[in-house]
Amino acid sequence: MTDLIFQKNYPIEIHNQSQGIITFNKLREYDSLYEPFAYKIAEWTIKNMQTESGYFIYHKNRLFDIKIPYMRWSQAWMFLALVSLIYKE
């Protein structure tokens, strides 16, 4: 069911995924139900938007993907998001 929610909405950009992880991780301070959702977003993003070589796809669309590994818009945001999960910041 969760996969359907993510896959219906295009375009999918890594910045949105990263911000979702960061936001729901922060909201855990107000309600513990938000933290598992941050992890679900992270798991889906790693499964669906990370390449075999390790970098994250910038943009997914129904017809095409933009796989340029932009340091600022793709990699840095996901790094920040994943680190926020690890360190609970």
Protein backbone atom coordinates (compact mmCIF):
# COMPACT_ATOMS: atom_id res chain seq x y z
CA MET A 1 0.00 0.00 0.00
CA THR A 2 2.76 2.47 0.91
CA ASP A 3 4.53 1.88 -2.41
CA LEU A 4 1.33 2.84 -4.25
CA ILE A 5 1.18 6.17 -2.44
CA PHE A 6 4.69 7.08 -3.53
CA GLN A 7 4.45 5.73 -7.08
CA LYS A 8 1.23 7.53 -8.07
CA ASN A 9 2.68 10.99 -7.71
CA TYR A 10 5.13 12.21 -10.31
CA PRO A 11 7.54 13.84 -10.55
CA ILE A 12 9.47 12.53 -7.59
CA GLU A 13 12.51 14.59 -6.67
CA ILE A 14 15.16 13.62 -4.17
CA HIS A 15 14.89 16.99 -2.45
CA ASN A 16 11.26 16.24 -1.55
CA GLN A 17 12.18 12.82 -0.20
CA SER A 18 15.03 14.29 1.85
CA GLN A 19 12.85 17.03 3.28
CA GLY A 20 10.18 14.49 4.20
CA ILE A 21 12.71 12.44 6.16
CA ILE A 22 14.04 15.52 7.95
CA THR A 23 10.57 16.89 8.73
CA PHE A 24 9.03 13.68 10.06
CA ASN A 25 12.19 12.93 12.04
CA LYS A 26 11.90 16.35 13.72
CA LEU A 27 8.18 15.87 14.39
CA ARG A 28 8.97 12.76 16.47
CA GLU A 29 9.54 15.21 19.35
CA TYR A 30 5.78 15.91 19.29
CA ASP A 31 4.44 12.45 18.48
CA SER A 32 6.34 9.15 18.36
CA LEU A 33 4.26 8.00 15.36
CA TYR A 34 6.18 10.32 13.04
CA GLU A 35 9.58 8.63 13.42
CA PRO A 36 8.58 5.33 11.76
CA PHE A 37 7.21 7.29 8.81
CA ALA A 38 10.58 9.04 8.40
CA TYR A 39 12.18 5.59 8.23
CA LYS A 40 9.60 4.42 5.68
CA ILE A 41 10.43 7.36 3.44
CA ALA A 42 14.15 6.62 3.82
CA GLU A 43 13.71 2.93 3.02
CA TRP A 44 11.58 3.65 -0.05
CA THR A 45 14.03 6.29 -1.27
CA ILE A 46 17.05 4.03 -0.88
CA LYS A 47 15.22 1.19 -2.63
CA ASN A 48 13.82 3.26 -5.50
CA MET A 49 16.10 6.27 -5.96
CA GLN A 50 19.59 5.07 -5.11
CA THR A 51 21.71 3.73 -7.95
CA GLU A 52 23.88 0.63 -7.77
CA SER A 53 26.96 2.84 -7.50
CA GLY A 54 25.47 4.58 -4.46
CA TYR A 55 24.38 8.01 -5.59
CA PHE A 56 20.78 9.21 -5.54
CA ILE A 57 18.74 9.97 -8.66
CA TYR A 58 17.76 13.63 -8.81
CA HIS A 59 14.36 13.27 -10.51
CA LYS A 60 11.99 10.43 -11.43
CA ASN A 61 9.16 10.84 -13.88
CA ARG A 62 6.78 8.35 -15.48
CA LEU A 63 8.74 8.40 -18.71
CA PHE A 64 12.31 9.21 -17.68
CA ASP A 65 14.76 9.70 -14.82
CA ILE A 66 17.36 12.41 -14.40
CA LYS A 67 20.30 10.48 -13.01
CA ILE A 68 22.83 13.30 -12.81
CA PRO A 69 24.43 13.05 -9.34
CA TYR A 70 24.06 16.71 -8.38
CA MET A 71 26.10 17.22 -5.23
CA ARG A 72 24.01 20.08 -3.86
CA TRP A 73 20.48 18.96 -4.78
CA SER A 74 20.71 15.20 -4.55
CA GLN A 75 23.60 13.87 -2.57
CA ALA A 76 23.97 16.56 0.10
CA TRP A 77 20.26 16.63 0.97
CA MET A 78 20.05 12.86 1.28
CA PHE A 79 23.24 12.83 3.34
CA LEU A 80 21.70 15.40 5.71
CA ALA A 81 18.43 13.44 5.89
CA LEU A 82 20.08 10.10 6.63
CA VAL A 83 22.43 11.62 9.18
CA SER A 84 19.46 13.25 10.92
CA LEU A 85 17.91 9.78 11.29
CA ILE A 86 21.08 8.26 12.69
CA TYR A 87 21.79 11.05 15.19
CA LYS A 88 18.10 11.83 15.92
CA GLU A 89 18.60 15.52 15.19
